[in-house]
């Protein structure tokens, strides 16, 4: 998802460069596009941090689960007669 946002951010920046400077500045379009690019950049960073948090949390959970499992004594095999 973060990569998709980066792609959109790049495409918006390309659109900005495709519009004549005088047109961009006359209607405040340049400021709005800059804000959109900045907001997309912020969103991308938030998603990246969220993914990192989730991965770290999953690793910690796995380690805690493995530790608990290693401390449970094994049951002797039941004999079937």
N, C-alpha and C. Protein backbone atom coordinates (compact mmCIF):
# COMPACT_ATOMS: atom_id res chain seq x y z
N UNK A 1 0.82 -1.18 0.00
CA UNK A 1 0.00 0.00 0.00
C UNK A 1 0.87 1.25 0.00
N UNK A 2 1.94 1.24 0.77
CA UNK A 2 2.83 2.40 0.81
C UNK A 2 3.44 2.66 -0.57
N UNK A 3 3.73 1.59 -1.30
CA UNK A 3 4.29 1.75 -2.64
C UNK A 3 3.28 2.37 -3.59
N UNK A 4 2.00 2.00 -3.43
CA UNK A 4 0.96 2.58 -4.28
C UNK A 4 0.84 4.08 -4.01
N UNK A 5 0.93 4.44 -2.73
CA UNK A 5 0.85 5.86 -2.38
C UNK A 5 2.04 6.61 -2.96
N UNK A 6 3.22 6.00 -2.92
CA UNK A 6 4.42 6.62 -3.50
C UNK A 6 4.22 6.83 -5.01
N UNK A 7 3.62 5.86 -5.67
CA UNK A 7 3.35 5.97 -7.10
C UNK A 7 2.38 7.12 -7.38
N UNK A 8 1.32 7.21 -6.59
CA UNK A 8 0.36 8.30 -6.76
C UNK A 8 1.03 9.65 -6.50
N UNK A 9 1.84 9.69 -5.47
CA UNK A 9 2.58 10.92 -5.14
C UNK A 9 3.44 11.36 -6.32
N UNK A 10 4.13 10.44 -6.92
CA UNK A 10 4.98 10.73 -8.07
C UNK A 10 4.15 11.20 -9.26
N UNK A 11 3.02 10.54 -9.49
CA UNK A 11 2.16 10.93 -10.60
C UNK A 11 1.58 12.32 -10.41
N UNK A 12 1.21 12.67 -9.19
CA UNK A 12 0.69 14.01 -8.91
C UNK A 12 1.78 15.05 -9.16
N UNK A 13 2.99 14.74 -8.73
CA UNK A 13 4.11 15.67 -8.96
C UNK A 13 4.36 15.83 -10.46
N UNK A 14 4.23 14.75 -11.22
CA UNK A 14 4.42 14.84 -12.66
C UNK A 14 3.32 15.69 -13.32
N UNK A 15 2.11 15.56 -12.83
CA UNK A 15 1.01 16.37 -13.36
C UNK A 15 1.32 17.85 -13.10
N UNK A 16 1.81 18.14 -11.90
CA UNK A 16 2.16 19.52 -11.56
C UNK A 16 3.16 20.08 -12.56
N UNK A 17 4.16 19.32 -12.88
CA UNK A 17 5.20 19.80 -13.81
C UNK A 17 4.69 19.89 -15.25
N UNK A 18 3.58 19.22 -15.52
CA UNK A 18 3.01 19.28 -16.86
C UNK A 18 2.11 20.50 -17.09
N UNK A 19 1.82 21.22 -16.00
CA UNK A 19 0.96 22.41 -16.10
C UNK A 19 1.85 23.65 -16.13
N UNK A 20 1.53 24.56 -17.02
CA UNK A 20 2.30 25.80 -17.14
C UNK A 20 2.38 26.51 -15.78
N UNK A 21 3.55 27.05 -15.48
CA UNK A 21 3.80 27.69 -14.19
C UNK A 21 2.80 28.83 -13.92
N UNK A 22 2.53 29.65 -14.92
CA UNK A 22 1.62 30.78 -14.71
C UNK A 22 0.21 30.30 -14.38
N UNK A 23 -0.20 29.24 -15.00
CA UNK A 23 -1.52 28.68 -14.71
C UNK A 23 -1.55 28.11 -13.29
N UNK A 24 -0.48 27.42 -12.92
CA UNK A 24 -0.40 26.82 -11.58
C UNK A 24 -0.47 27.89 -10.50
N UNK A 25 0.25 28.98 -10.67
CA UNK A 25 0.31 30.00 -9.62
C UNK A 25 -0.91 30.90 -9.62
N UNK A 26 -1.53 31.10 -10.77
CA UNK A 26 -2.66 32.01 -10.87
C UNK A 26 -3.84 31.56 -10.01
N UNK A 27 -4.18 30.33 -10.06
CA UNK A 27 -5.36 29.84 -9.34
C UNK A 27 -5.02 29.16 -8.02
N UNK A 28 -3.79 29.27 -7.58
CA UNK A 28 -3.39 28.59 -6.35
C UNK A 28 -3.27 27.08 -6.52
N UNK A 29 -3.26 26.64 -7.77
CA UNK A 29 -3.19 25.20 -8.05
C UNK A 29 -1.88 24.63 -7.54
N UNK A 30 -0.80 25.39 -7.70
CA UNK A 30 0.51 24.89 -7.28
C UNK A 30 0.53 24.58 -5.79
N UNK A 31 -0.03 25.49 -4.99
CA UNK A 31 -0.07 25.26 -3.53
C UNK A 31 -0.92 24.04 -3.19
N UNK A 32 -2.03 23.87 -3.87
CA UNK A 32 -2.89 22.73 -3.60
C UNK A 32 -2.21 21.41 -3.99
N UNK A 33 -1.53 21.43 -5.11
CA UNK A 33 -0.81 20.22 -5.53
C UNK A 33 0.32 19.92 -4.56
N UNK A 34 1.06 20.94 -4.15
CA UNK A 34 2.14 20.75 -3.19
C UNK A 34 1.60 20.17 -1.88
N UNK A 35 0.45 20.66 -1.45
CA UNK A 35 -0.16 20.15 -0.22
C UNK A 35 -0.57 18.69 -0.39
N UNK A 36 -1.14 18.37 -1.56
CA UNK A 36 -1.54 16.99 -1.82
C UNK A 36 -0.33 16.06 -1.80
N UNK A 37 0.76 16.48 -2.42
CA UNK A 37 1.98 15.67 -2.44
C UNK A 37 2.52 15.51 -1.02
N UNK A 38 2.51 16.58 -0.26
CA UNK A 38 2.99 16.53 1.13
C UNK A 38 2.12 15.60 1.97
N UNK A 39 0.80 15.69 1.80
CA UNK A 39 -0.11 14.81 2.55
C UNK A 39 0.09 13.35 2.17
N UNK A 40 0.31 13.08 0.89
CA UNK A 40 0.57 11.71 0.45
C UNK A 40 1.89 11.20 1.04
N UNK A 41 2.88 12.06 1.10
CA UNK A 41 4.17 11.69 1.68
C UNK A 41 4.00 11.35 3.16
N UNK A 42 3.24 12.17 3.88
CA UNK A 42 2.98 11.90 5.29
C UNK A 42 2.25 10.56 5.47
N UNK A 43 1.27 10.31 4.62
CA UNK A 43 0.52 9.06 4.70
C UNK A 43 1.41 7.86 4.42
N UNK A 44 2.29 8.00 3.46
CA UNK A 44 3.23 6.92 3.15
C UNK A 44 4.11 6.61 4.36
N UNK A 45 4.62 7.64 5.01
CA UNK A 45 5.48 7.43 6.19
C UNK A 45 4.69 6.79 7.33
N UNK A 46 3.44 7.21 7.52
CA UNK A 46 2.61 6.61 8.57
C UNK A 46 2.37 5.14 8.30
N UNK A 47 2.08 4.81 7.05
CA UNK A 47 1.86 3.40 6.70
C UNK A 47 3.12 2.57 6.89
N UNK A 48 4.26 3.14 6.52
CA UNK A 48 5.53 2.43 6.69
C UNK A 48 5.78 2.16 8.17
N UNK A 49 5.54 3.16 9.01
CA UNK A 49 5.71 2.96 10.46
C UNK A 49 4.71 1.94 11.00
N UNK A 50 3.49 1.96 10.47
CA UNK A 50 2.49 0.98 10.90
C UNK A 50 2.92 -0.43 10.54
N UNK A 51 3.39 -0.63 9.30
CA UNK A 51 3.87 -1.95 8.89
C UNK A 51 5.02 -2.41 9.78
N UNK A 52 5.94 -1.51 10.10
CA UNK A 52 7.08 -1.86 10.95
C UNK A 52 6.59 -2.26 12.34
N UNK A 53 5.62 -1.52 12.88
CA UNK A 53 5.06 -1.84 14.19
C UNK A 53 4.41 -3.21 14.18
N UNK A 54 3.64 -3.49 13.13
CA UNK A 54 2.97 -4.79 13.03
C UNK A 54 3.98 -5.92 12.94
N UNK A 55 5.01 -5.75 12.13
CA UNK A 55 6.04 -6.79 12.00
C UNK A 55 6.76 -7.02 13.32
N UNK A 56 7.11 -5.95 14.01
CA UNK A 56 7.78 -6.06 15.31
C UNK A 56 6.87 -6.76 16.31
N UNK A 57 5.60 -6.39 16.32
CA UNK A 57 4.64 -7.00 17.24
C UNK A 57 4.49 -8.49 16.97
N UNK A 58 4.43 -8.85 15.68
CA UNK A 58 4.31 -10.27 15.33
C UNK A 58 5.55 -11.05 15.78
N UNK A 59 6.72 -10.47 15.60
CA UNK A 59 7.95 -11.14 16.03
C UNK A 59 7.97 -11.33 17.55
N UNK A 60 7.58 -10.30 18.28
CA UNK A 60 7.54 -10.40 19.74
C UNK A 60 6.52 -11.45 20.19
N UNK A 61 5.38 -11.49 19.52
CA UNK A 61 4.36 -12.49 19.85
C UNK A 61 4.90 -13.90 19.61
N UNK A 62 5.55 -14.11 18.45
CA UNK A 62 6.10 -15.44 18.15
C UNK A 62 7.13 -15.85 19.20
N UNK A 63 8.01 -14.92 19.58
CA UNK A 63 9.03 -15.25 20.57
C UNK A 63 8.39 -15.58 21.91
N UNK A 64 7.38 -14.82 22.32
CA UNK A 64 6.70 -15.10 23.59
C UNK A 64 5.98 -16.44 23.52
N UNK A 65 5.35 -16.73 22.40
CA UNK A 65 4.65 -17.99 22.22
C UNK A 65 5.63 -19.16 22.27
N UNK A 66 6.76 -19.03 21.59
CA UNK A 66 7.78 -20.08 21.61
C UNK A 66 8.32 -20.30 23.02
N UNK A 67 8.51 -19.22 23.76
CA UNK A 67 9.02 -19.32 25.13
C UNK A 67 8.02 -20.06 26.01
N UNK A 68 6.75 -19.73 25.89
CA UNK A 68 5.72 -20.40 26.68
C UNK A 68 5.66 -21.88 26.31
N UNK A 69 5.70 -22.18 25.03
CA UNK A 69 5.64 -23.57 24.58
C UNK A 69 6.84 -24.36 25.10
N UNK A 70 7.99 -23.73 25.16
CA UNK A 70 9.18 -24.45 25.62
C UNK A 70 9.15 -24.72 27.12
N UNK A 71 8.33 -24.00 27.85
CA UNK A 71 8.26 -24.18 29.30
C UNK A 71 7.17 -25.15 29.73
N UNK A 72 6.34 -25.59 28.79
CA UNK A 72 5.29 -26.55 29.09
C UNK A 72 5.90 -27.95 29.03
N UNK A 73 5.80 -28.69 30.12
CA UNK A 73 6.38 -30.05 30.08
C UNK A 73 5.62 -30.92 29.09
N UNK A 74 6.38 -31.74 28.43
CA UNK A 74 5.76 -32.64 27.46
C UNK A 74 5.04 -33.76 28.18
N UNK A 75 3.91 -34.13 27.63
CA UNK A 75 3.16 -35.25 28.21
C UNK A 75 3.74 -36.55 27.68
N UNK A 76 3.86 -37.51 28.56
CA UNK A 76 4.36 -38.81 28.06
C UNK A 76 3.36 -39.39 27.05
N UNK A 77 3.90 -40.11 26.12
CA UNK A 77 3.05 -40.72 25.09
C UNK A 77 2.09 -41.70 25.76
N UNK A 78 0.86 -41.62 25.35
CA UNK A 78 -0.13 -42.56 25.89
C UNK A 78 0.02 -43.89 25.15
N UNK A 79 0.04 -44.94 25.91
CA UNK A 79 0.15 -46.26 25.31
C UNK A 79 -1.22 -46.78 24.93
N UNK A 80 -1.31 -47.25 23.74
CA UNK A 80 -2.59 -47.84 23.31
C UNK A 80 -2.42 -49.35 23.38
N UNK A 81 -3.29 -50.00 24.09
CA UNK A 81 -3.21 -51.45 24.29
C UNK A 81 -4.03 -52.16 23.32
